[in-house]
């Protein structure tokens, strides 16, 4: 995770409890967008007042479970796509991006 301190960024790890606090428990009023695998929420660091975004993957707290496709090929394509997104999100190492928890 990254927290801004003036013009510099310091990498820190944020707990799920703190992310819930910063997003008002992943409130609908904080939702910025929804994709196939989760929603992005606006969060505000309660200590420094800086805004940042948090992506909550489907199946997590506050996520919605989509109806799975009945076609086996569609199901496998969705599974592969989800794995790719998780792999990509896991690789991000930037001070302004909260790491996948």
Protein backbone atom coordinates (compact mmCIF):
# COMPACT_ATOMS: atom_id res chain seq x y z
CA UNK A 1 0.00 0.00 0.00
CA UNK A 2 1.13 3.52 -0.46
CA UNK A 3 0.48 6.48 1.72
CA UNK A 4 1.40 9.99 0.61
CA UNK A 5 3.47 12.07 2.96
CA UNK A 6 3.77 15.50 1.39
CA UNK A 7 5.25 14.93 -2.07
CA UNK A 8 6.81 11.58 -1.19
CA UNK A 9 5.18 8.16 -1.01
CA UNK A 10 5.90 5.63 1.70
CA UNK A 11 4.97 1.98 1.20
CA UNK A 12 2.95 0.48 4.05
CA UNK A 13 0.57 -2.44 4.44
CA UNK A 14 -3.03 -1.61 5.36
CA UNK A 15 -5.31 -4.06 7.15
CA UNK A 16 -8.74 -5.00 5.86
CA UNK A 17 -10.24 -3.35 8.96
CA UNK A 18 -8.51 -0.06 8.08
CA UNK A 19 -9.64 -0.30 4.44
CA UNK A 20 -13.20 -0.85 5.67
CA UNK A 21 -12.86 2.26 7.83
CA UNK A 22 -11.48 4.30 4.91
CA UNK A 23 -14.28 3.15 2.56
CA UNK A 24 -17.07 3.37 5.14
CA UNK A 25 -17.42 -0.44 5.07
CA UNK A 26 -17.28 -0.46 1.26
CA UNK A 27 -20.37 1.74 1.13
CA UNK A 28 -22.34 2.03 -2.11
CA UNK A 29 -21.87 5.80 -1.84
CA UNK A 30 -18.09 5.23 -2.12
CA UNK A 31 -18.32 2.88 -5.13
CA UNK A 32 -16.50 4.29 -8.16
CA UNK A 33 -17.14 1.41 -10.54
CA UNK A 34 -17.97 -2.26 -10.90
CA UNK A 35 -16.31 -4.83 -13.13
CA UNK A 36 -16.63 -8.55 -13.72
CA UNK A 37 -14.43 -9.43 -10.75
CA UNK A 38 -15.11 -6.71 -8.24
CA UNK A 39 -15.78 -3.10 -7.43
CA UNK A 40 -13.52 -0.09 -6.96
CA UNK A 41 -14.19 2.17 -3.99
CA UNK A 42 -13.04 5.66 -3.05
CA UNK A 43 -11.21 5.55 0.25
CA UNK A 44 -9.96 8.38 2.41
CA UNK A 45 -6.98 7.81 4.67
CA UNK A 46 -8.38 8.76 8.08
CA UNK A 47 -4.93 9.67 9.38
CA UNK A 48 -3.67 11.89 6.56
CA UNK A 49 -6.89 12.73 4.71
CA UNK A 50 -5.58 11.54 1.33
CA UNK A 51 -7.98 9.84 -1.09
CA UNK A 52 -7.10 6.54 -2.77
CA UNK A 53 -8.93 3.72 -4.54
CA UNK A 54 -9.44 0.16 -3.33
CA UNK A 55 -10.49 -2.73 -5.59
CA UNK A 56 -12.51 -5.34 -3.72
CA UNK A 57 -12.57 -8.63 -5.61
CA UNK A 58 -15.81 -10.58 -5.95
CA UNK A 59 -16.41 -12.93 -3.06
CA UNK A 60 -14.80 -10.59 -0.56
CA UNK A 61 -16.60 -8.56 2.07
CA UNK A 62 -19.14 -6.40 0.28
CA UNK A 63 -18.63 -8.16 -3.08
CA UNK A 64 -21.47 -9.62 -5.05
CA UNK A 65 -21.29 -13.14 -6.41
CA UNK A 66 -22.28 -13.15 -10.08
CA UNK A 67 -24.32 -15.99 -11.54
CA UNK A 68 -21.81 -18.41 -13.11
CA UNK A 69 -22.27 -19.23 -16.78
CA UNK A 70 -23.80 -22.64 -17.49
CA UNK A 71 -21.72 -23.27 -20.61
CA UNK A 72 -18.48 -25.11 -19.63
CA UNK A 73 -16.40 -23.15 -22.17
CA UNK A 74 -17.72 -19.82 -20.88
CA UNK A 75 -17.06 -20.94 -17.31
CA UNK A 76 -13.47 -21.86 -18.13
CA UNK A 77 -12.92 -18.57 -20.01
CA UNK A 78 -14.25 -16.63 -17.00
CA UNK A 79 -12.03 -18.65 -14.64
CA UNK A 80 -8.93 -17.93 -16.80
CA UNK A 81 -9.79 -14.26 -17.01
CA UNK A 82 -10.21 -14.03 -13.23
CA UNK A 83 -6.85 -15.74 -12.68
CA UNK A 84 -5.18 -13.29 -15.09
CA UNK A 85 -6.68 -10.28 -13.31
CA UNK A 86 -5.62 -11.58 -9.89
CA UNK A 87 -2.11 -12.30 -11.19
CA UNK A 88 -1.80 -8.81 -12.68
CA UNK A 89 -3.17 -7.11 -9.55
CA UNK A 90 -0.77 -9.13 -7.40
CA UNK A 91 2.22 -7.86 -9.39
CA UNK A 92 1.54 -4.14 -8.96
CA UNK A 93 4.22 -2.60 -6.79
CA UNK A 94 3.63 1.11 -6.71
CA UNK A 95 3.50 3.40 -3.69
CA UNK A 96 0.03 4.63 -4.67
CA UNK A 97 -1.48 1.14 -5.04
CA UNK A 98 -2.70 -0.97 -2.14
CA UNK A 99 -1.28 -4.45 -2.48
CA UNK A 100 -3.56 -7.43 -2.91
CA UNK A 101 -4.34 -8.71 0.58
